[in-house]
Amino acid sequence: MAKPSEVVYKSGKLTIKINRKTCISCSACTVSAPKTFELDNKCISMVKPEPNDNPKTILDAAQNCPVEAIVIEDETGKTLWPK
């Protein structure tokens, strides 16, 4: 279940959770996975309406977040990142 400050997205078999209070607007995710992530009007990370990066690229983008604001889960709910 998502926390109030967390936004949950689905991308294929992955679940992407973004903690909006933790995000520092550094754009690391948008550089790493530009077909999946963008910054909203408050400069907070969000997933594009039709994310189109492969799962490894999405996972790499989450791993590049310096504050671990992005959580990635597989289809079973197992957390892939952060470990």
N, C-alpha and C. Protein backbone atom coordinates (compact mmCIF):
# COMPACT_ATOMS: atom_id res chain seq x y z
N MET A 1 0.84 -1.18 0.00
CA MET A 1 0.00 0.00 0.00
C MET A 1 0.89 1.25 0.00
N ALA A 2 0.48 2.23 -0.80
CA ALA A 2 1.26 3.46 -0.91
C ALA A 2 1.09 4.35 0.32
N LYS A 3 2.17 5.02 0.65
CA LYS A 3 2.13 6.02 1.72
C LYS A 3 1.54 7.30 1.14
N PRO A 4 1.02 8.22 1.97
CA PRO A 4 0.43 9.45 1.44
C PRO A 4 1.37 10.27 0.56
N SER A 5 2.67 10.23 0.85
CA SER A 5 3.63 11.00 0.06
C SER A 5 4.19 10.22 -1.12
N GLU A 6 3.66 9.03 -1.36
CA GLU A 6 4.19 8.13 -2.37
C GLU A 6 3.20 8.00 -3.52
N VAL A 7 3.71 8.03 -4.75
CA VAL A 7 2.89 7.85 -5.93
C VAL A 7 3.31 6.53 -6.56
N VAL A 8 2.34 5.71 -6.95
CA VAL A 8 2.62 4.37 -7.48
C VAL A 8 2.24 4.31 -8.95
N TYR A 9 3.14 3.75 -9.76
CA TYR A 9 2.92 3.58 -11.19
C TYR A 9 3.21 2.14 -11.57
N LYS A 10 2.61 1.68 -12.65
CA LYS A 10 2.91 0.36 -13.21
C LYS A 10 3.60 0.58 -14.56
N SER A 11 4.63 -0.21 -14.81
CA SER A 11 5.31 -0.20 -16.10
C SER A 11 5.64 -1.64 -16.43
N GLY A 12 4.82 -2.25 -17.26
CA GLY A 12 5.01 -3.66 -17.56
C GLY A 12 4.87 -4.48 -16.30
N LYS A 13 5.91 -5.26 -15.98
CA LYS A 13 5.89 -6.11 -14.78
C LYS A 13 6.44 -5.39 -13.55
N LEU A 14 6.87 -4.16 -13.73
CA LEU A 14 7.44 -3.42 -12.60
C LEU A 14 6.42 -2.48 -11.97
N THR A 15 6.56 -2.29 -10.67
CA THR A 15 5.84 -1.24 -9.97
C THR A 15 6.88 -0.21 -9.56
N ILE A 16 6.59 1.04 -9.88
CA ILE A 16 7.50 2.15 -9.58
C ILE A 16 6.81 3.02 -8.53
N LYS A 17 7.48 3.21 -7.41
CA LYS A 17 6.95 4.08 -6.35
C LYS A 17 7.89 5.26 -6.20
N ILE A 18 7.33 6.45 -6.21
CA ILE A 18 8.14 7.66 -6.04
C ILE A 18 7.71 8.36 -4.76
N ASN A 19 8.66 8.57 -3.87
CA ASN A 19 8.38 9.30 -2.64
C ASN A 19 8.57 10.79 -2.94
N ARG A 20 7.46 11.50 -3.05
CA ARG A 20 7.48 12.91 -3.44
C ARG A 20 8.15 13.80 -2.40
N LYS A 21 8.13 13.41 -1.15
CA LYS A 21 8.78 14.22 -0.11
C LYS A 21 10.29 14.02 -0.10
N THR A 22 10.75 12.90 -0.60
CA THR A 22 12.18 12.60 -0.62
C THR A 22 12.86 13.15 -1.87
N CYS A 23 12.15 13.20 -2.98
CA CYS A 23 12.72 13.66 -4.26
C CYS A 23 13.30 15.06 -4.10
N ILE A 24 14.53 15.25 -4.61
CA ILE A 24 15.20 16.55 -4.51
C ILE A 24 15.30 17.25 -5.87
N SER A 25 14.58 16.76 -6.86
CA SER A 25 14.51 17.40 -8.19
C SER A 25 15.85 17.45 -8.91
N CYS A 26 16.70 16.46 -8.71
CA CYS A 26 18.02 16.49 -9.33
C CYS A 26 18.02 16.04 -10.79
N SER A 27 16.95 15.42 -11.24
CA SER A 27 16.77 14.95 -12.63
C SER A 27 17.61 13.73 -13.00
N ALA A 28 18.23 13.07 -12.04
CA ALA A 28 19.02 11.88 -12.36
C ALA A 28 18.16 10.82 -13.04
N CYS A 29 16.93 10.66 -12.60
CA CYS A 29 16.04 9.66 -13.20
C CYS A 29 15.66 10.03 -14.63
N THR A 30 15.44 11.32 -14.88
CA THR A 30 15.03 11.74 -16.22
C THR A 30 16.17 11.61 -17.21
N VAL A 31 17.39 11.75 -16.74
CA VAL A 31 18.56 11.57 -17.60
C VAL A 31 18.79 10.08 -17.86
N SER A 32 18.63 9.26 -16.83
CA SER A 32 18.88 7.81 -16.94
C SER A 32 17.80 7.07 -17.72
N ALA A 33 16.55 7.48 -17.56
CA ALA A 33 15.42 6.80 -18.22
C ALA A 33 14.44 7.86 -18.75
N PRO A 34 14.85 8.58 -19.81
CA PRO A 34 14.04 9.70 -20.30
C PRO A 34 12.70 9.31 -20.91
N LYS A 35 12.54 8.05 -21.27
CA LYS A 35 11.25 7.61 -21.82
C LYS A 35 10.27 7.20 -20.72
N THR A 36 10.73 7.21 -19.49
CA THR A 36 9.89 6.80 -18.36
C THR A 36 9.64 7.93 -17.37
N PHE A 37 10.69 8.67 -17.01
CA PHE A 37 10.57 9.69 -15.97
C PHE A 37 10.58 11.10 -16.54
N GLU A 38 9.85 11.99 -15.87
CA GLU A 38 9.89 13.42 -16.15
C GLU A 38 9.62 14.15 -14.84
N LEU A 39 9.86 15.44 -14.84
CA LEU A 39 9.57 16.25 -13.65
C LEU A 39 8.23 16.93 -13.85
N ASP A 40 7.43 16.98 -12.80
CA ASP A 40 6.12 17.63 -12.89
C ASP A 40 6.28 19.15 -12.72
N ASN A 41 5.17 19.86 -12.62
CA ASN A 41 5.23 21.32 -12.52
C ASN A 41 5.83 21.82 -11.20
N LYS A 42 6.02 20.92 -10.24
CA LYS A 42 6.70 21.26 -8.98
C LYS A 42 8.13 20.74 -8.97
N CYS A 43 8.59 20.28 -10.14
CA CYS A 43 9.94 19.72 -10.31
C CYS A 43 10.16 18.47 -9.47
N ILE A 44 9.12 17.67 -9.31
CA ILE A 44 9.20 16.40 -8.61
C ILE A 44 9.08 15.28 -9.65
N SER A 45 9.85 14.24 -9.47
CA SER A 45 9.84 13.12 -10.40
C SER A 45 8.47 12.48 -10.50
N MET A 46 8.12 12.10 -11.73
CA MET A 46 6.90 11.34 -11.98
C MET A 46 7.14 10.44 -13.18
N VAL A 47 6.27 9.46 -13.36
CA VAL A 47 6.36 8.56 -14.49
C VAL A 47 5.48 9.11 -15.61
N LYS A 48 6.01 9.08 -16.82
CA LYS A 48 5.26 9.56 -17.99
C LYS A 48 4.03 8.69 -18.20
N PRO A 49 3.01 9.22 -18.88
CA PRO A 49 1.77 8.45 -19.11
C PRO A 49 2.01 7.09 -19.80
N GLU A 50 2.98 7.03 -20.69
CA GLU A 50 3.29 5.77 -21.37
C GLU A 50 4.79 5.50 -21.25
N PRO A 51 5.23 5.00 -20.08
CA PRO A 51 6.66 4.75 -19.89
C PRO A 51 7.18 3.75 -20.92
N ASN A 52 8.37 4.02 -21.47
CA ASN A 52 8.83 3.21 -22.58
C ASN A 52 10.31 2.85 -22.50
N ASP A 53 10.87 2.79 -21.31
CA ASP A 53 12.23 2.30 -21.15
C ASP A 53 12.16 0.83 -20.75
N ASN A 54 13.23 0.08 -21.03
CA ASN A 54 13.23 -1.33 -20.63
C ASN A 54 13.42 -1.43 -19.11
N PRO A 55 13.06 -2.56 -18.53
CA PRO A 55 13.13 -2.71 -17.07
C PRO A 55 14.51 -2.43 -16.48
N LYS A 56 15.58 -2.84 -17.16
CA LYS A 56 16.93 -2.59 -16.64
C LYS A 56 17.21 -1.09 -16.59
N THR A 57 16.78 -0.36 -17.60
CA THR A 57 17.00 1.09 -17.62
C THR A 57 16.23 1.76 -16.49
N ILE A 58 15.01 1.31 -16.23
CA ILE A 58 14.20 1.86 -15.13
C ILE A 58 14.87 1.56 -13.79
N LEU A 59 15.35 0.35 -13.63
CA LEU A 59 16.05 -0.02 -12.39
C LEU A 59 17.32 0.81 -12.22
N ASP A 60 18.07 1.00 -13.31
CA ASP A 60 19.28 1.83 -13.26
C ASP A 60 18.95 3.26 -12.84
N ALA A 61 17.84 3.79 -13.36
CA ALA A 61 17.42 5.15 -13.01
C ALA A 61 17.14 5.25 -11.51
N ALA A 62 16.46 4.26 -10.97
CA ALA A 62 16.17 4.25 -9.53
C ALA A 62 17.47 4.19 -8.74
N GLN A 63 18.41 3.39 -9.20
CA GLN A 63 19.69 3.26 -8.50
C GLN A 63 20.52 4.54 -8.59
N ASN A 64 20.27 5.36 -9.60
CA ASN A 64 21.00 6.62 -9.75
C ASN A 64 20.42 7.74 -8.89
N CYS A 65 19.26 7.53 -8.31
CA CYS A 65 18.66 8.55 -7.45
C CYS A 65 19.50 8.69 -6.18
N PRO A 66 20.05 9.88 -5.93
CA PRO A 66 20.95 10.02 -4.78
C PRO A 66 20.26 9.93 -3.42
N VAL A 67 18.94 10.05 -3.38
CA VAL A 67 18.22 10.00 -2.10
C VAL A 67 17.27 8.80 -2.01
N GLU A 68 17.38 7.88 -2.97
CA GLU A 68 16.55 6.66 -3.01
C GLU A 68 15.06 6.98 -2.92
N ALA A 69 14.64 7.99 -3.68
CA ALA A 69 13.22 8.37 -3.70
C ALA A 69 12.39 7.43 -4.57
N ILE A 70 13.05 6.58 -5.36
CA ILE A 70 12.35 5.67 -6.27
C ILE A 70 12.52 4.24 -5.78
N VAL A 71 11.39 3.57 -5.60
CA VAL A 71 11.38 2.16 -5.20
C VAL A 71 10.86 1.36 -6.38
N ILE A 72 11.54 0.27 -6.70
CA ILE A 72 11.12 -0.61 -7.79
C ILE A 72 10.77 -1.97 -7.22
N GLU A 73 9.60 -2.48 -7.59
CA GLU A 73 9.16 -3.81 -7.18
C GLU A 73 8.86 -4.65 -8.42
N ASP A 74 9.07 -5.96 -8.30
CA ASP A 74 8.71 -6.85 -9.41
C ASP A 74 7.23 -7.21 -9.31
N GLU A 75 6.78 -8.08 -10.22
CA GLU A 75 5.35 -8.42 -10.28
C GLU A 75 4.84 -9.16 -9.05
N THR A 76 5.76 -9.73 -8.25
CA THR A 76 5.34 -10.43 -7.03
C THR A 76 5.29 -9.49 -5.82
N GLY A 77 5.75 -8.25 -6.01
CA GLY A 77 5.80 -7.30 -4.90
C GLY A 77 7.15 -7.26 -4.20
N LYS A 78 8.09 -8.07 -4.69
CA LYS A 78 9.44 -8.08 -4.11
C LYS A 78 10.15 -6.79 -4.47
N THR A 79 10.75 -6.15 -3.48
CA THR A 79 11.49 -4.91 -3.73
C THR A 79 12.82 -5.23 -4.39
N LEU A 80 13.03 -4.66 -5.59
CA LEU A 80 14.28 -4.82 -6.31
C LEU A 80 15.27 -3.71 -5.96
N TRP A 81 14.73 -2.53 -5.67
CA TRP A 81 15.54 -1.38 -5.26
C TRP A 81 14.70 -0.47 -4.40
N PRO A 82 15.22 0.11 -3.34
CA PRO A 82 16.54 -0.17 -2.79
C PRO A 82 16.58 -1.51 -2.08
N LYS A 83 17.75 -2.05 -1.98
CA LYS A 83 17.92 -3.38 -1.38
C LYS A 83 17.91 -3.29 0.11
